[in-house]
Structures are given as C-alpha cells and as structure tokens.
Amino acid sequence: MAGSTNTGRAINLMRTDLFTTGRGARPRELNIARIGVVITDGKSFDNVMTAADTARDANITMFAIGVGEYDPDELDQIANPGGTYRYEVDNFDVINNIRSLVKTAACTGIFLAFSDNILIT
C-alpha cells in the first residue's frame, strides 16, 4: 500500500491536539518542558518548516529522526537549530540503538534550559 507523507500536518496535529492540558500537557505558565519527536522515512508533501517553526514558537523542543530514505533537509527544518536534536538511522530495526541518545539529549537539554527553575517529579 502506498501512502503520502504529510509531516507538516503531523507536527501541527501534535501541537494542537496532543500538547494540550486535556491530553496531559502541563499549563505553559508552569514552564515545564515540552518535547516533540518526529520520526520520518520519506519526503513530505506539505510544508514542514512552517509547522516546525510554529511548534517551536509554542515552546516545543523538536527532535527529528530520519529512517531509511528520509529528506535530510527536512530533518534540519524539524530539529531545533544547531542539529543537536537530529538523528539518522538506516531502518526501523535499528532505531532502538539511538533511544538512549535521544533520551539523554532530551533530559540534558531540558535540564540546561530550565536550570534556573528546576522541577523534579
């Protein structure tokens, strides 16, 4: 079955439907980190950069994981600037190999970003 990739739409859906207090996100005023992880294995047919920028504007730290035949430019557009949160794997079978890297980067980055106001749960 062939499908189309709409990564921008998925990022927008994540921002508007998943990062809500009704779905468990803490209110923005509490200044608790929000992490979005996008895993893609193709080239999107819609606007990725605008969606990722809008997510970042909503204080969501964006991670990008490219699998197989992804578009490297789109990974750059999705991941927070500087490439710190950009990862690549050959296939879905080895994605587990980077799990600890992503986890460490997310936790370390959040700790540094919120070091003046640390919340431990």
C-alpha atoms as a PDB file:
ATOM      1  CA  MET A   1       0.000   0.000   0.000  1.00  0.00           C
ATOM      2  CA  ALA A   2       1.439   3.362  -0.986  1.00  0.00           C
ATOM      3  CA  GLY A   3       0.840   6.415   1.125  1.00  0.00           C
ATOM      4  CA  SER A   4       1.792  10.015   1.248  1.00  0.00           C
ATOM      5  CA  THR A   5       3.905  11.720   3.870  1.00  0.00           C
ATOM      6  CA  ASN A   6       2.469  14.857   5.455  1.00  0.00           C
ATOM      7  CA  THR A   7       4.981  15.649   8.172  1.00  0.00           C
ATOM      8  CA  GLY A   8       3.905  19.276   8.492  1.00  0.00           C
ATOM      9  CA  ARG A   9       0.330  18.186   9.137  1.00  0.00           C
ATOM     10  CA  ALA A  10       1.534  15.674  11.738  1.00  0.00           C
ATOM     11  CA  ILE A  11       3.574  18.351  13.535  1.00  0.00           C
ATOM     12  CA  ASN A  12       0.577  20.691  13.554  1.00  0.00           C
ATOM     13  CA  LEU A  13      -1.646  17.912  14.894  1.00  0.00           C
ATOM     14  CA  MET A  14       0.911  17.171  17.608  1.00  0.00           C
ATOM     15  CA  ARG A  15       0.985  20.838  18.622  1.00  0.00           C
ATOM     16  CA  THR A  16      -2.763  21.474  18.572  1.00  0.00           C
ATOM     17  CA  ASP A  17      -4.168  18.128  19.719  1.00  0.00           C
ATOM     18  CA  LEU A  18      -1.500  16.415  21.811  1.00  0.00           C
ATOM     19  CA  PHE A  19       0.181  19.268  23.674  1.00  0.00           C
ATOM     20  CA  THR A  20      -2.996  20.289  25.467  1.00  0.00           C
ATOM     21  CA  THR A  21      -3.825  20.193  29.154  1.00  0.00           C
ATOM     22  CA  GLY A  22      -6.675  17.843  28.289  1.00  0.00           C
ATOM     23  CA  ARG A  23      -4.115  15.339  26.991  1.00  0.00           C
ATOM     24  CA  GLY A  24      -1.775  15.764  29.970  1.00  0.00           C
ATOM     25  CA  ALA A  25       0.440  18.684  28.984  1.00  0.00           C
ATOM     26  CA  ARG A  26       1.131  20.999  31.885  1.00  0.00           C
ATOM     27  CA  PRO A  27      -0.020  24.613  31.567  1.00  0.00           C
ATOM     28  CA  ARG A  28       2.553  26.809  29.817  1.00  0.00           C
ATOM     29  CA  GLU A  29       2.849  29.137  32.799  1.00  0.00           C
ATOM     30  CA  LEU A  30       4.426  26.300  34.797  1.00  0.00           C
ATOM     31  CA  ASN A  31       7.383  26.451  32.391  1.00  0.00           C
ATOM     32  CA  ILE A  32       7.648  22.664  32.100  1.00  0.00           C
ATOM     33  CA  ALA A  33       9.468  21.435  29.001  1.00  0.00           C
ATOM     34  CA  ARG A  34       7.568  20.083  26.026  1.00  0.00           C
ATOM     35  CA  ILE A  35       9.404  17.657  23.741  1.00  0.00           C
ATOM     36  CA  GLY A  36       8.225  16.675  20.274  1.00  0.00           C
ATOM     37  CA  VAL A  37       9.877  13.742  18.490  1.00  0.00           C
ATOM     38  CA  VAL A  38       9.203  13.375  14.772  1.00  0.00           C
ATOM     39  CA  ILE A  39      10.186  10.120  13.068  1.00  0.00           C
ATOM     40  CA  THR A  40      10.054  10.238   9.288  1.00  0.00           C
ATOM     41  CA  ASP A  41      11.002   7.872   6.493  1.00  0.00           C
ATOM     42  CA  GLY A  42      10.117   9.931   3.460  1.00  0.00           C
ATOM     43  CA  LYS A  43       9.789  13.330   1.867  1.00  0.00           C
ATOM     44  CA  SER A  44       6.809  15.340   2.985  1.00  0.00           C
ATOM     45  CA  PHE A  45       4.229  16.627   0.555  1.00  0.00           C
ATOM     46  CA  ASP A  46       3.457  19.627   2.760  1.00  0.00           C
ATOM     47  CA  ASN A  47       5.261  22.495   4.493  1.00  0.00           C
ATOM     48  CA  VAL A  48       7.486  21.130   7.242  1.00  0.00           C
ATOM     49  CA  MET A  49       9.398  24.294   8.120  1.00  0.00           C
ATOM     50  CA  THR A  50       6.351  26.415   8.954  1.00  0.00           C
ATOM     51  CA  ALA A  51       4.870  23.663  11.106  1.00  0.00           C
ATOM     52  CA  ALA A  52       8.148  23.086  12.974  1.00  0.00           C
ATOM     53  CA  ASP A  53       8.662  26.832  13.496  1.00  0.00           C
ATOM     54  CA  THR A  54       5.117  27.148  14.852  1.00  0.00           C
ATOM     55  CA  ALA A  55       5.763  24.246  17.236  1.00  0.00           C
ATOM     56  CA  ARG A  56       8.974  25.897  18.448  1.00  0.00           C
ATOM     57  CA  ASP A  57       7.057  29.172  18.885  1.00  0.00           C
ATOM     58  CA  ALA A  58       4.747  27.172  21.181  1.00  0.00           C
ATOM     59  CA  ASN A  59       7.837  26.247  23.268  1.00  0.00           C
ATOM     60  CA  ILE A  60       8.035  22.682  21.978  1.00  0.00           C
ATOM     61  CA  THR A  61      11.595  21.418  21.609  1.00  0.00           C
ATOM     62  CA  MET A  62      11.702  19.472  18.370  1.00  0.00           C
ATOM     63  CA  PHE A  63      13.677  16.288  17.748  1.00  0.00           C
ATOM     64  CA  ALA A  64      13.917  14.779  14.246  1.00  0.00           C
ATOM     65  CA  ILE A  65      14.743  11.165  13.437  1.00  0.00           C
ATOM     66  CA  GLY A  66      15.220  10.163   9.818  1.00  0.00           C
ATOM     67  CA  VAL A  67      14.790   6.496   8.920  1.00  0.00           C
ATOM     68  CA  GLY A  68      15.881   4.982   5.621  1.00  0.00           C
ATOM     69  CA  GLU A  69      15.067   7.260   2.692  1.00  0.00           C
ATOM     70  CA  TYR A  70      14.234  10.471   4.533  1.00  0.00           C
ATOM     71  CA  ASP A  71      14.886  14.016   3.321  1.00  0.00           C
ATOM     72  CA  PRO A  72      17.940  15.414   5.174  1.00  0.00           C
ATOM     73  CA  ASP A  73      16.791  18.993   4.567  1.00  0.00           C
ATOM     74  CA  GLU A  74      13.501  18.254   6.276  1.00  0.00           C
ATOM     75  CA  LEU A  75      15.320  16.844   9.306  1.00  0.00           C
ATOM     76  CA  ASP A  76      17.200  20.137   9.524  1.00  0.00           C
ATOM     77  CA  GLN A  77      13.924  22.047   9.317  1.00  0.00           C
ATOM     78  CA  ILE A  78      12.271  19.952  12.020  1.00  0.00           C
ATOM     79  CA  ALA A  79      15.085  19.662  14.559  1.00  0.00           C
ATOM     80  CA  ASN A  80      15.857  22.581  16.806  1.00  0.00           C
ATOM     81  CA  PRO A  81      18.558  24.789  15.245  1.00  0.00           C
ATOM     82  CA  GLY A  82      22.143  23.634  15.519  1.00  0.00           C
ATOM     83  CA  GLY A  83      21.489  19.985  14.674  1.00  0.00           C
ATOM     84  CA  THR A  84      21.705  18.855  18.295  1.00  0.00           C
ATOM     85  CA  TYR A  85      18.367  17.085  18.087  1.00  0.00           C
ATOM     86  CA  ARG A  86      18.774  15.475  14.646  1.00  0.00           C
ATOM     87  CA  TYR A  87      19.324  11.723  14.262  1.00  0.00           C
ATOM     88  CA  GLU A  88      19.580   9.289  11.359  1.00  0.00           C
ATOM     89  CA  VAL A  89      19.184   5.520  11.171  1.00  0.00           C
ATOM     90  CA  ASP A  90      19.217   3.086   8.251  1.00  0.00           C
ATOM     91  CA  ASN A  91      15.969   1.322   9.118  1.00  0.00           C
ATOM     92  CA  PHE A  92      13.348   0.880  11.808  1.00  0.00           C
ATOM     93  CA  ASP A  93      15.070  -2.248  13.124  1.00  0.00           C
ATOM     94  CA  VAL A  94      17.970  -0.171  14.472  1.00  0.00           C
ATOM     95  CA  ILE A  95      16.004   2.794  15.785  1.00  0.00           C
ATOM     96  CA  ASN A  96      16.270   1.292  19.247  1.00  0.00           C
ATOM     97  CA  ASN A  97      20.044   1.885  19.043  1.00  0.00           C
ATOM     98  CA  ILE A  98      19.580   5.660  19.367  1.00  0.00           C
ATOM     99  CA  ARG A  99      16.931   5.595  22.078  1.00  0.00           C
ATOM    100  CA  SER A 100      19.402   6.342  24.870  1.00  0.00           C
ATOM    101  CA  LEU A 101      20.989   9.150  22.831  1.00  0.00           C
ATOM    102  CA  VAL A 102      17.625  10.820  22.293  1.00  0.00           C
ATOM    103  CA  LYS A 103      16.644  10.323  25.936  1.00  0.00           C
ATOM    104  CA  THR A 104      19.927  11.775  27.195  1.00  0.00           C
ATOM    105  CA  ALA A 105      19.752  14.735  24.819  1.00  0.00           C
ATOM    106  CA  ALA A 106      16.158  15.477  25.802  1.00  0.00           C
ATOM    107  CA  CYS A 107      16.808  15.269  29.530  1.00  0.00           C
ATOM    108  CA  THR A 108      20.147  17.113  29.435  1.00  0.00           C
ATOM    109  CA  GLY A 109      18.822  19.831  27.159  1.00  0.00           C
ATOM    110  CA  ILE A 110      15.793  20.343  29.320  1.00  0.00           C
ATOM    111  CA  PHE A 111      17.886  20.432  32.470  1.00  0.00           C
ATOM    112  CA  LEU A 112      20.120  23.120  30.981  1.00  0.00           C
ATOM    113  CA  ALA A 113      17.214  25.120  29.572  1.00  0.00           C
ATOM    114  CA  PHE A 114      15.410  25.164  32.897  1.00  0.00           C
ATOM    115  CA  SER A 115      18.363  25.142  35.296  1.00  0.00           C
ATOM    116  CA  ASP A 116      17.204  28.363  36.951  1.00  0.00           C
ATOM    117  CA  ASN A 117      13.800  26.863  37.700  1.00  0.00           C
ATOM    118  CA  ILE A 118      14.228  23.116  38.089  1.00  0.00           C
ATOM    119  CA  LEU A 119      11.158  20.980  38.641  1.00  0.00           C
ATOM    120  CA  ILE A 120      11.816  17.424  39.724  1.00  0.00           C
ATOM    121  CA  THR A 121       8.949  14.945  39.530  1.00  0.00           C
END
